[in-house]
Amino acid sequence: MAGATEGKAGKTALAAAAPAAGVEGLTFEAALAELEAIVASLEKGNVPLEESIAIYERGEALKKRCEALLKAAEARVETITRDADGRPVGTALLDPEA
């Protein structure tokens, strides 16, 4: 179990050095998983103040990454357009204003 704790401490120390480092390359799932781990850690309340601030900043960067990826995915969502007989004729953006 000590190894797991050391791994988290090392990851947290990296996050303290550069909260947004490496966030740009994360998939939505990876960013969300790390964000959930940060939330769980902060909710426990057993993290020193300076470390809490650093991982909170990392969490903010992860949240922005997730939001950007969701917005990009929403922009790609298309609906199938149909003719008067109900036959598919093409696609259109789900939200043309996106």
PDB file of N, CA and C in Angstrom:
ATOM      1  N   MET A   1       0.820  -1.187   0.000  1.00  0.00           N
ATOM      2  CA  MET A   1       0.000   0.000   0.000  1.00  0.00           C
ATOM      3  C   MET A   1       0.866   1.255   0.000  1.00  0.00           C
ATOM      4  N   ALA A   2       2.048   1.168   0.584  1.00  0.00           N
ATOM      5  CA  ALA A   2       2.943   2.313   0.634  1.00  0.00           C
ATOM      6  C   ALA A   2       3.316   2.756  -0.772  1.00  0.00           C
ATOM      7  N   GLY A   3       3.480   1.833  -1.690  1.00  0.00           N
ATOM      8  CA  GLY A   3       3.822   2.162  -3.064  1.00  0.00           C
ATOM      9  C   GLY A   3       2.746   3.016  -3.718  1.00  0.00           C
ATOM     10  N   ALA A   4       1.487   2.704  -3.439  1.00  0.00           N
ATOM     11  CA  ALA A   4       0.390   3.472  -4.015  1.00  0.00           C
ATOM     12  C   ALA A   4       0.406   4.893  -3.477  1.00  0.00           C
ATOM     13  N   THR A   5       0.698   5.031  -2.188  1.00  0.00           N
ATOM     14  CA  THR A   5       0.753   6.352  -1.587  1.00  0.00           C
ATOM     15  C   THR A   5       1.894   7.157  -2.186  1.00  0.00           C
ATOM     16  N   GLU A   6       3.053   6.524  -2.348  1.00  0.00           N
ATOM     17  CA  GLU A   6       4.192   7.220  -2.929  1.00  0.00           C
ATOM     18  C   GLU A   6       3.880   7.648  -4.352  1.00  0.00           C
ATOM     19  N   GLY A   7       3.186   6.821  -5.111  1.00  0.00           N
ATOM     20  CA  GLY A   7       2.833   7.154  -6.482  1.00  0.00           C
ATOM     21  C   GLY A   7       1.950   8.377  -6.540  1.00  0.00           C
ATOM     22  N   LYS A   8       0.962   8.454  -5.651  1.00  0.00           N
ATOM     23  CA  LYS A   8       0.085   9.612  -5.610  1.00  0.00           C
ATOM     24  C   LYS A   8       0.860  10.848  -5.197  1.00  0.00           C
ATOM     25  N   ALA A   9       1.756  10.711  -4.231  1.00  0.00           N
ATOM     26  CA  ALA A   9       2.548  11.844  -3.770  1.00  0.00           C
ATOM     27  C   ALA A   9       3.420  12.365  -4.903  1.00  0.00           C
ATOM     28  N   GLY A  10       4.025  11.467  -5.660  1.00  0.00           N
ATOM     29  CA  GLY A  10       4.858  11.870  -6.785  1.00  0.00           C
ATOM     30  C   GLY A  10       4.034  12.581  -7.840  1.00  0.00           C
ATOM     31  N   LYS A  11       2.853  12.068  -8.123  1.00  0.00           N
ATOM     32  CA  LYS A  11       1.974  12.668  -9.115  1.00  0.00           C
ATOM     33  C   LYS A  11       1.516  14.038  -8.630  1.00  0.00           C
ATOM     34  N   THR A  12       1.210  14.142  -7.325  1.00  0.00           N
ATOM     35  CA  THR A  12       0.773  15.402  -6.762  1.00  0.00           C
ATOM     36  C   THR A  12       1.894  16.423  -6.794  1.00  0.00           C
ATOM     37  N   ALA A  13       3.116  15.999  -6.518  1.00  0.00           N
ATOM     38  CA  ALA A  13       4.251  16.908  -6.563  1.00  0.00           C
ATOM     39  C   ALA A  13       4.434  17.447  -7.979  1.00  0.00           C
ATOM     40  N   LEU A  14       4.238  16.604  -8.979  1.00  0.00           N
ATOM     41  CA  LEU A  14       4.324  17.042 -10.367  1.00  0.00           C
ATOM     42  C   LEU A  14       3.226  18.053 -10.664  1.00  0.00           C
ATOM     43  N   ALA A  15       2.034  17.784 -10.172  1.00  0.00           N
ATOM     44  CA  ALA A  15       0.924  18.704 -10.386  1.00  0.00           C
ATOM     45  C   ALA A  15       1.207  20.044  -9.716  1.00  0.00           C
ATOM     46  N   ALA A  16       1.886  20.024  -8.574  1.00  0.00           N
ATOM     47  CA  ALA A  16       2.211  21.264  -7.879  1.00  0.00           C
ATOM     48  C   ALA A  16       3.177  22.098  -8.701  1.00  0.00           C
ATOM     49  N   ALA A  17       4.091  21.453  -9.404  1.00  0.00           N
ATOM     50  CA  ALA A  17       5.082  22.168 -10.193  1.00  0.00           C
ATOM     51  C   ALA A  17       4.443  22.827 -11.411  1.00  0.00           C
ATOM     52  N   ALA A  18       3.530  22.158 -12.067  1.00  0.00           N
ATOM     53  CA  ALA A  18       2.891  22.690 -13.270  1.00  0.00           C
ATOM     54  C   ALA A  18       1.491  22.111 -13.389  1.00  0.00           C
ATOM     55  N   PRO A  19       0.474  22.793 -12.836  1.00  0.00           N
ATOM     56  CA  PRO A  19      -0.878  22.259 -12.795  1.00  0.00           C
ATOM     57  C   PRO A  19      -1.441  21.816 -14.141  1.00  0.00           C
ATOM     58  N   ALA A  20      -1.116  22.539 -15.212  1.00  0.00           N
ATOM     59  CA  ALA A  20      -1.692  22.202 -16.514  1.00  0.00           C
ATOM     60  C   ALA A  20      -0.765  21.336 -17.369  1.00  0.00           C
ATOM     61  N   ALA A  21       0.382  20.959 -16.820  1.00  0.00           N
ATOM     62  CA  ALA A  21       1.352  20.181 -17.598  1.00  0.00           C
ATOM     63  C   ALA A  21       0.752  18.860 -18.051  1.00  0.00           C
ATOM     64  N   GLY A  22       0.798  18.618 -19.343  1.00  0.00           N
ATOM     65  CA  GLY A  22       0.340  17.353 -19.893  1.00  0.00           C
ATOM     66  C   GLY A  22      -1.157  17.213 -20.051  1.00  0.00           C
ATOM     67  N   VAL A  23      -1.920  18.190 -19.634  1.00  0.00           N
ATOM     68  CA  VAL A  23      -3.376  18.100 -19.705  1.00  0.00           C
ATOM     69  C   VAL A  23      -3.855  18.080 -21.152  1.00  0.00           C
ATOM     70  N   GLU A  24      -3.168  18.826 -22.019  1.00  0.00           N
ATOM     71  CA  GLU A  24      -3.600  18.953 -23.413  1.00  0.00           C
ATOM     72  C   GLU A  24      -3.645  17.614 -24.138  1.00  0.00           C
ATOM     73  N   GLY A  25      -2.813  16.678 -23.746  1.00  0.00           N
ATOM     74  CA  GLY A  25      -2.759  15.398 -24.442  1.00  0.00           C
ATOM     75  C   GLY A  25      -3.670  14.328 -23.878  1.00  0.00           C
ATOM     76  N   LEU A  26      -4.382  14.632 -22.802  1.00  0.00           N
ATOM     77  CA  LEU A  26      -5.233  13.628 -22.164  1.00  0.00           C
ATOM     78  C   LEU A  26      -6.531  13.418 -22.928  1.00  0.00           C
ATOM     79  N   THR A  27      -6.972  12.169 -22.930  1.00  0.00           N
ATOM     80  CA  THR A  27      -8.303  11.878 -23.463  1.00  0.00           C
ATOM     81  C   THR A  27      -9.329  12.355 -22.445  1.00  0.00           C
ATOM     82  N   PHE A  28     -10.574  12.431 -22.879  1.00  0.00           N
ATOM     83  CA  PHE A  28     -11.644  12.835 -21.962  1.00  0.00           C
ATOM     84  C   PHE A  28     -11.694  11.897 -20.759  1.00  0.00           C
ATOM     85  N   GLU A  29     -11.630  10.596 -21.040  1.00  0.00           N
ATOM     86  CA  GLU A  29     -11.740   9.603 -19.963  1.00  0.00           C
ATOM     87  C   GLU A  29     -10.591   9.723 -18.969  1.00  0.00           C
ATOM     88  N   ALA A  30      -9.373   9.929 -19.467  1.00  0.00           N
ATOM     89  CA  ALA A  30      -8.208  10.047 -18.589  1.00  0.00           C
ATOM     90  C   ALA A  30      -8.292  11.323 -17.756  1.00  0.00           C
ATOM     91  N   ALA A  31      -8.689  12.426 -18.375  1.00  0.00           N
ATOM     92  CA  ALA A  31      -8.810  13.692 -17.650  1.00  0.00           C
ATOM     93  C   ALA A  31      -9.897  13.596 -16.584  1.00  0.00           C
ATOM     94  N   LEU A  32     -11.011  12.981 -16.928  1.00  0.00           N
ATOM     95  CA  LEU A  32     -12.110  12.834 -15.976  1.00  0.00           C
ATOM     96  C   LEU A  32     -11.710  11.940 -14.810  1.00  0.00           C
ATOM     97  N   ALA A  33     -11.014  10.847 -15.083  1.00  0.00           N
ATOM     98  CA  ALA A  33     -10.577   9.939 -14.019  1.00  0.00           C
ATOM     99  C   ALA A  33      -9.629  10.659 -13.054  1.00  0.00           C
ATOM    100  N   GLU A  34      -8.702  11.428 -13.601  1.00  0.00           N
ATOM    101  CA  GLU A  34      -7.771  12.161 -12.734  1.00  0.00           C
ATOM    102  C   GLU A  34      -8.515  13.231 -11.942  1.00  0.00           C
ATOM    103  N   LEU A  35      -9.456  13.901 -12.579  1.00  0.00           N
ATOM    104  CA  LEU A  35     -10.260  14.910 -11.890  1.00  0.00           C
ATOM    105  C   LEU A  35     -11.058  14.285 -10.747  1.00  0.00           C
ATOM    106  N   GLU A  36     -11.636  13.127 -10.984  1.00  0.00           N
ATOM    107  CA  GLU A  36     -12.383  12.432  -9.926  1.00  0.00           C
ATOM    108  C   GLU A  36     -11.476  12.046  -8.767  1.00  0.00           C
ATOM    109  N   ALA A  37     -10.244  11.634  -9.055  1.00  0.00           N
ATOM    110  CA  ALA A  37      -9.284  11.290  -8.009  1.00  0.00           C
ATOM    111  C   ALA A  37      -8.924  12.526  -7.185  1.00  0.00           C
ATOM    112  N   ILE A  38      -8.784  13.658  -7.849  1.00  0.00           N
ATOM    113  CA  ILE A  38      -8.474  14.907  -7.144  1.00  0.00           C
ATOM    114  C   ILE A  38      -9.625  15.290  -6.230  1.00  0.00           C
ATOM    115  N   VAL A  39     -10.843  15.196  -6.728  1.00  0.00           N
ATOM    116  CA  VAL A  39     -12.016  15.535  -5.922  1.00  0.00           C
ATOM    117  C   VAL A  39     -12.082  14.629  -4.694  1.00  0.00           C
ATOM    118  N   ALA A  40     -11.866  13.339  -4.884  1.00  0.00           N
ATOM    119  CA  ALA A  40     -11.903  12.394  -3.761  1.00  0.00           C
ATOM    120  C   ALA A  40     -10.836  12.748  -2.730  1.00  0.00           C
ATOM    121  N   SER A  41      -9.653  13.095  -3.190  1.00  0.00           N
ATOM    122  CA  SER A  41      -8.558  13.451  -2.294  1.00  0.00           C
ATOM    123  C   SER A  41      -8.902  14.709  -1.503  1.00  0.00           C
ATOM    124  N   LEU A  42      -9.431  15.710  -2.178  1.00  0.00           N
ATOM    125  CA  LEU A  42      -9.786  16.955  -1.493  1.00  0.00           C
ATOM    126  C   LEU A  42     -10.950  16.756  -0.524  1.00  0.00           C
ATOM    127  N   GLU A  43     -11.891  15.885  -0.882  1.00  0.00           N
ATOM    128  CA  GLU A  43     -13.035  15.634  -0.006  1.00  0.00           C
ATOM    129  C   GLU A  43     -12.621  14.963   1.298  1.00  0.00           C
ATOM    130  N   LYS A  44     -11.563  14.154   1.256  1.00  0.00           N
ATOM    131  CA  LYS A  44     -11.082  13.494   2.473  1.00  0.00           C
ATOM    132  C   LYS A  44     -10.566  14.503   3.482  1.00  0.00           C
ATOM    133  N   GLY A  45     -10.018  15.618   2.975  1.00  0.00           N
ATOM    134  CA  GLY A  45      -9.561  16.674   3.861  1.00  0.00           C
ATOM    135  C   GLY A  45      -8.253  16.402   4.563  1.00  0.00           C
ATOM    136  N   ASN A  46      -7.518  15.388   4.152  1.00  0.00           N
ATOM    137  CA  ASN A  46      -6.268  15.057   4.828  1.00  0.00           C
ATOM    138  C   ASN A  46      -5.033  15.469   4.016  1.00  0.00           C
ATOM    139  N   VAL A  47      -5.205  16.440   3.129  1.00  0.00           N
ATOM    140  CA  VAL A  47      -4.112  16.926   2.303  1.00  0.00           C
ATOM    141  C   VAL A  47      -3.678  18.286   2.854  1.00  0.00           C
ATOM    142  N   PRO A  48      -2.383  18.504   3.014  1.00  0.00           N
ATOM    143  CA  PRO A  48      -1.910  19.807   3.502  1.00  0.00           C
ATOM    144  C   PRO A  48      -2.398  20.945   2.603  1.00  0.00           C
ATOM    145  N   LEU A  49      -2.512  22.132   3.168  1.00  0.00           N
ATOM    146  CA  LEU A  49      -3.081  23.277   2.467  1.00  0.00           C
ATOM    147  C   LEU A  49      -2.382  23.581   1.152  1.00  0.00           C
ATOM    148  N   GLU A  50      -1.065  23.699   1.152  1.00  0.00           N
ATOM    149  CA  GLU A  50      -0.338  24.024  -0.076  1.00  0.00           C
ATOM    150  C   GLU A  50      -0.556  22.965  -1.157  1.00  0.00           C
ATOM    151  N   GLU A  51      -0.553  21.710  -0.751  1.00  0.00           N
ATOM    152  CA  GLU A  51      -0.795  20.625  -1.706  1.00  0.00           C
ATOM    153  C   GLU A  51      -2.235  20.670  -2.211  1.00  0.00           C
ATOM    154  N   SER A  52      -3.175  21.005  -1.335  1.00  0.00           N
ATOM    155  CA  SER A  52      -4.581  21.130  -1.740  1.00  0.00           C
ATOM    156  C   SER A  52      -4.738  22.198  -2.809  1.00  0.00           C
ATOM    157  N   ILE A  53      -4.053  23.314  -2.631  1.00  0.00           N
ATOM    158  CA  ILE A  53      -4.131  24.397  -3.601  1.00  0.00           C
ATOM    159  C   ILE A  53      -3.570  23.938  -4.944  1.00  0.00           C
ATOM    160  N   ALA A  54      -2.439  23.257  -4.910  1.00  0.00           N
ATOM    161  CA  ALA A  54      -1.801  22.781  -6.141  1.00  0.00           C
ATOM    162  C   ALA A  54      -2.680  21.771  -6.872  1.00  0.00           C
ATOM    163  N   ILE A  55      -3.252  20.818  -6.150  1.00  0.00           N
ATOM    164  CA  ILE A  55      -4.071  19.821  -6.847  1.00  0.00           C
ATOM    165  C   ILE A  55      -5.413  20.412  -7.272  1.00  0.00           C
ATOM    166  N   TYR A  56      -5.892  21.424  -6.553  1.00  0.00           N
ATOM    167  CA  TYR A  56      -7.102  22.130  -6.991  1.00  0.00           C
ATOM    168  C   TYR A  56      -6.838  22.814  -8.325  1.00  0.00           C
ATOM    169  N   GLU A  57      -5.675  23.453  -8.452  1.00  0.00           N
ATOM    170  CA  GLU A  57      -5.318  24.104  -9.717  1.00  0.00           C
ATOM    171  C   GLU A  57      -5.226  23.077 -10.847  1.00  0.00           C
ATOM    172  N   ARG A  58      -4.673  21.925 -10.544  1.00  0.00           N
ATOM    173  CA  ARG A  58      -4.614  20.846 -11.546  1.00  0.00           C
ATOM    174  C   ARG A  58      -6.039  20.435 -11.923  1.00  0.00           C
ATOM    175  N   GLY A  59      -6.894  20.351 -10.930  1.00  0.00           N
ATOM    176  CA  GLY A  59      -8.292  19.999 -11.188  1.00  0.00           C
ATOM    177  C   GLY A  59      -8.980  21.002 -12.100  1.00  0.00           C
ATOM    178  N   GLU A  60      -8.685  22.271 -11.919  1.00  0.00           N
ATOM    179  CA  GLU A  60      -9.252  23.308 -12.786  1.00  0.00           C
ATOM    180  C   GLU A  60      -8.800  23.102 -14.234  1.00  0.00           C
ATOM    181  N   ALA A  61      -7.511  22.799 -14.418  1.00  0.00           N
ATOM    182  CA  ALA A  61      -6.986  22.554 -15.765  1.00  0.00           C
ATOM    183  C   ALA A  61      -7.652  21.317 -16.377  1.00  0.00           C
ATOM    184  N   LEU A  62      -7.852  20.295 -15.583  1.00  0.00           N
ATOM    185  CA  LEU A  62      -8.502  19.071 -16.070  1.00  0.00           C
ATOM    186  C   LEU A  62      -9.957  19.343 -16.434  1.00  0.00           C
ATOM    187  N   LYS A  63     -10.639  20.135 -15.614  1.00  0.00           N
ATOM    188  CA  LYS A  63     -12.036  20.490 -15.888  1.00  0.00           C
ATOM    189  C   LYS A  63     -12.141  21.229 -17.213  1.00  0.00           C
ATOM    190  N   LYS A  64     -11.238  22.179 -17.450  1.00  0.00           N
ATOM    191  CA  LYS A  64     -11.246  22.920 -18.713  1.00  0.00           C
ATOM    192  C   LYS A  64     -10.983  21.989 -19.893  1.00  0.00           C
ATOM    193  N   ARG A  65     -10.091  21.014 -19.706  1.00  0.00           N
ATOM    194  CA  ARG A  65      -9.808  20.048 -20.772  1.00  0.00           C
ATOM    195  C   ARG A  65     -11.061  19.238 -21.089  1.00  0.00           C
ATOM    196  N   CYS A  66     -11.739  18.758 -20.056  1.00  0.00           N
ATOM    197  CA  CYS A  66     -12.965  17.978 -20.267  1.00  0.00           C
ATOM    198  C   CYS A  66     -14.029  18.817 -20.978  1.00  0.00           C
ATOM    199  N   GLU A  67     -14.187  20.068 -20.563  1.00  0.00           N
ATOM    200  CA  GLU A  67     -15.171  20.943 -21.196  1.00  0.00           C
ATOM    201  C   GLU A  67     -14.841  21.162 -22.673  1.00  0.00           C
ATOM    202  N   ALA A  68     -13.558  21.377 -22.991  1.00  0.00           N
ATOM    203  CA  ALA A  68     -13.150  21.594 -24.378  1.00  0.00           C
ATOM    204  C   ALA A  68     -13.413  20.352 -25.222  1.00  0.00           C
ATOM    205  N   LEU A  69     -13.108  19.184 -24.665  1.00  0.00           N
ATOM    206  CA  LEU A  69     -13.341  17.945 -25.411  1.00  0.00           C
ATOM    207  C   LEU A  69     -14.831  17.695 -25.622  1.00  0.00           C
ATOM    208  N   LEU A  70     -15.643  17.993 -24.628  1.00  0.00           N
ATOM    209  CA  LEU A  70     -17.090  17.832 -24.784  1.00  0.00           C
ATOM    210  C   LEU A  70     -17.642  18.790 -25.836  1.00  0.00           C
ATOM    211  N   LYS A  71     -17.155  20.024 -25.816  1.00  0.00           N
ATOM    212  CA  LYS A  71     -17.622  21.000 -26.801  1.00  0.00           C
ATOM    213  C   LYS A  71     -17.251  20.557 -28.210  1.00  0.00           C
ATOM    214  N   ALA A  72     -16.039  20.040 -28.370  1.00  0.00           N
ATOM    215  CA  ALA A  72     -15.603  19.547 -29.679  1.00  0.00           C
ATOM    216  C   ALA A  72     -16.459  18.361 -30.120  1.00  0.00           C
ATOM    217  N   ALA A  73     -16.784  17.473 -29.199  1.00  0.00           N
ATOM    218  CA  ALA A  73     -17.607  16.309 -29.533  1.00  0.00           C
ATOM    219  C   ALA A  73     -19.012  16.748 -29.923  1.00  0.00           C
ATOM    220  N   GLU A  74     -19.558  17.705 -29.208  1.00  0.00           N
ATOM    221  CA  GLU A  74     -20.898  18.197 -29.532  1.00  0.00           C
ATOM    222  C   GLU A  74     -20.924  18.823 -30.920  1.00  0.00           C
ATOM    223  N   ALA A  75     -19.857  19.495 -31.292  1.00  0.00           N
ATOM    224  CA  ALA A  75     -19.801  20.122 -32.606  1.00  0.00           C
ATOM    225  C   ALA A  75     -19.786  19.084 -33.720  1.00  0.00           C
ATOM    226  N   ARG A  76     -19.313  17.892 -33.420  1.00  0.00           N
ATOM    227  CA  ARG A  76     -19.232  16.836 -34.437  1.00  0.00           C
ATOM    228  C   ARG A  76     -20.497  15.996 -34.530  1.00  0.00           C
ATOM    229  N   VAL A  77     -21.379  16.116 -33.556  1.00  0.00           N
ATOM    230  CA  VAL A  77     -22.597  15.307 -33.563  1.00  0.00           C
ATOM    231  C   VAL A  77     -23.474  15.751 -34.730  1.00  0.00           C
ATOM    232  N   GLU A  78     -23.903  14.793 -35.485  1.00  0.00           N
ATOM    233  CA  GLU A  78     -24.738  15.075 -36.640  1.00  0.00           C
ATOM    234  C   GLU A  78     -26.041  14.299 -36.555  1.00  0.00           C
ATOM    235  N   THR A  79     -27.012  14.804 -37.231  1.00  0.00           N
ATOM    236  CA  THR A  79     -28.276  14.082 -37.349  1.00  0.00           C
ATOM    237  C   THR A  79     -28.445  13.656 -38.802  1.00  0.00           C
ATOM    238  N   ILE A  80     -29.171  12.607 -38.991  1.00  0.00           N
ATOM    239  CA  ILE A  80     -29.451  12.122 -40.346  1.00  0.00           C
ATOM    240  C   ILE A  80     -30.647  12.895 -40.881  1.00  0.00           C
ATOM    241  N   THR A  81     -30.475  13.468 -42.048  1.00  0.00           N
ATOM    242  CA  THR A  81     -31.591  14.165 -42.686  1.00  0.00           C
ATOM    243  C   THR A  81     -32.312  13.196 -43.613  1.00  0.00           C
ATOM    244  N   ARG A  82     -33.601  13.376 -43.729  1.00  0.00           N
ATOM    245  CA  ARG A  82     -34.423  12.466 -44.541  1.00  0.00           C
ATOM    246  C   ARG A  82     -35.239  13.266 -45.554  1.00  0.00           C
ATOM    247  N   ASP A  83     -35.560  12.606 -46.643  1.00  0.00           N
ATOM    248  CA  ASP A  83     -36.418  13.250 -47.636  1.00  0.00           C
ATOM    249  C   ASP A  83     -37.882  13.075 -47.226  1.00  0.00           C
ATOM    250  N   ALA A  84     -38.791  13.537 -48.070  1.00  0.00           N
ATOM    251  CA  ALA A  84     -40.229  13.476 -47.768  1.00  0.00           C
ATOM    252  C   ALA A  84     -40.726  12.049 -47.566  1.00  0.00           C
ATOM    253  N   ASP A  85     -40.040  11.072 -48.178  1.00  0.00           N
ATOM    254  CA  ASP A  85     -40.446   9.674 -48.046  1.00  0.00           C
ATOM    255  C   ASP A  85     -39.773   8.986 -46.851  1.00  0.00           C
ATOM    256  N   GLY A  86     -38.946   9.725 -46.126  1.00  0.00           N
ATOM    257  CA  GLY A  86     -38.294   9.147 -44.956  1.00  0.00           C
ATOM    258  C   GLY A  86     -36.966   8.479 -45.233  1.00  0.00           C
ATOM    259  N   ARG A  87     -36.491   8.574 -46.477  1.00  0.00           N
ATOM    260  CA  ARG A  87     -35.207   7.962 -46.829  1.00  0.00           C
ATOM    261  C   ARG A  87     -34.062   8.875 -46.395  1.00  0.00           C
ATOM    262  N   PRO A  88     -32.992   8.295 -45.843  1.00  0.00           N
ATOM    263  CA  PRO A  88     -31.837   9.122 -45.469  1.00  0.00           C
ATOM    264  C   PRO A  88     -31.210   9.750 -46.712  1.00  0.00           C
ATOM    265  N   VAL A  89     -30.922  11.053 -46.627  1.00  0.00           N
ATOM    266  CA  VAL A  89     -30.325  11.749 -47.767  1.00  0.00           C
ATOM    267  C   VAL A  89     -29.020  12.452 -47.414  1.00  0.00           C
ATOM    268  N   GLY A  90     -28.669  12.477 -46.160  1.00  0.00           N
ATOM    269  CA  GLY A  90     -27.438  13.150 -45.761  1.00  0.00           C
ATOM    270  C   GLY A  90     -27.423  13.395 -44.266  1.00  0.00           C
ATOM    271  N   THR A  91     -26.511  14.254 -43.883  1.00  0.00           N
ATOM    272  CA  THR A  91     -26.422  14.604 -42.476  1.00  0.00           C
ATOM    273  C   THR A  91     -26.339  16.114 -42.316  1.00  0.00           C
ATOM    274  N   ALA A  92     -26.690  16.570 -41.130  1.00  0.00           N
ATOM    275  CA  ALA A  92     -26.600  17.983 -40.795  1.00  0.00           C
ATOM    276  C   ALA A  92     -26.143  18.069 -39.344  1.00  0.00           C
ATOM    277  N   LEU A  93     -25.491  19.167 -39.000  1.00  0.00           N
ATOM    278  CA  LEU A  93     -25.087  19.349 -37.615  1.00  0.00           C
ATOM    279  C   LEU A  93     -26.308  19.339 -36.717  1.00  0.00           C
ATOM    280  N   LEU A  94     -26.175  18.729 -35.572  1.00  0.00           N
ATOM    281  CA  LEU A  94     -27.277  18.671 -34.620  1.00  0.00           C
ATOM    282  C   LEU A  94     -27.649  20.089 -34.188  1.00  0.00           C
ATOM    283  N   ASP A  95     -26.636  20.902 -33.934  1.00  0.00           N
ATOM    284  CA  ASP A  95     -26.858  22.291 -33.537  1.00  0.00           C
ATOM    285  C   ASP A  95     -26.084  23.173 -34.509  1.00  0.00           C
ATOM    286  N   PRO A  96     -26.726  23.677 -35.560  1.00  0.00           N
ATOM    287  CA  PRO A  96     -26.016  24.432 -36.583  1.00  0.00           C
ATOM    288  C   PRO A  96     -25.298  25.673 -36.050  1.00  0.00           C
ATOM    289  N   GLU A  97     -25.695  26.174 -34.892  1.00  0.00           N
ATOM    290  CA  GLU A  97     -25.061  27.359 -34.318  1.00  0.00           C
ATOM    291  C   GLU A  97     -23.784  27.018 -33.568  1.00  0.00           C
ATOM    292  N   ALA A  98     -23.457  25.739 -33.393  1.00  0.00           N
ATOM    293  CA  ALA A  98     -22.280  25.333 -32.614  1.00  0.00           C
ATOM    294  C   ALA A  98     -20.998  25.587 -33.361  1.00  0.00           C
TER     295      ALA A  98
END
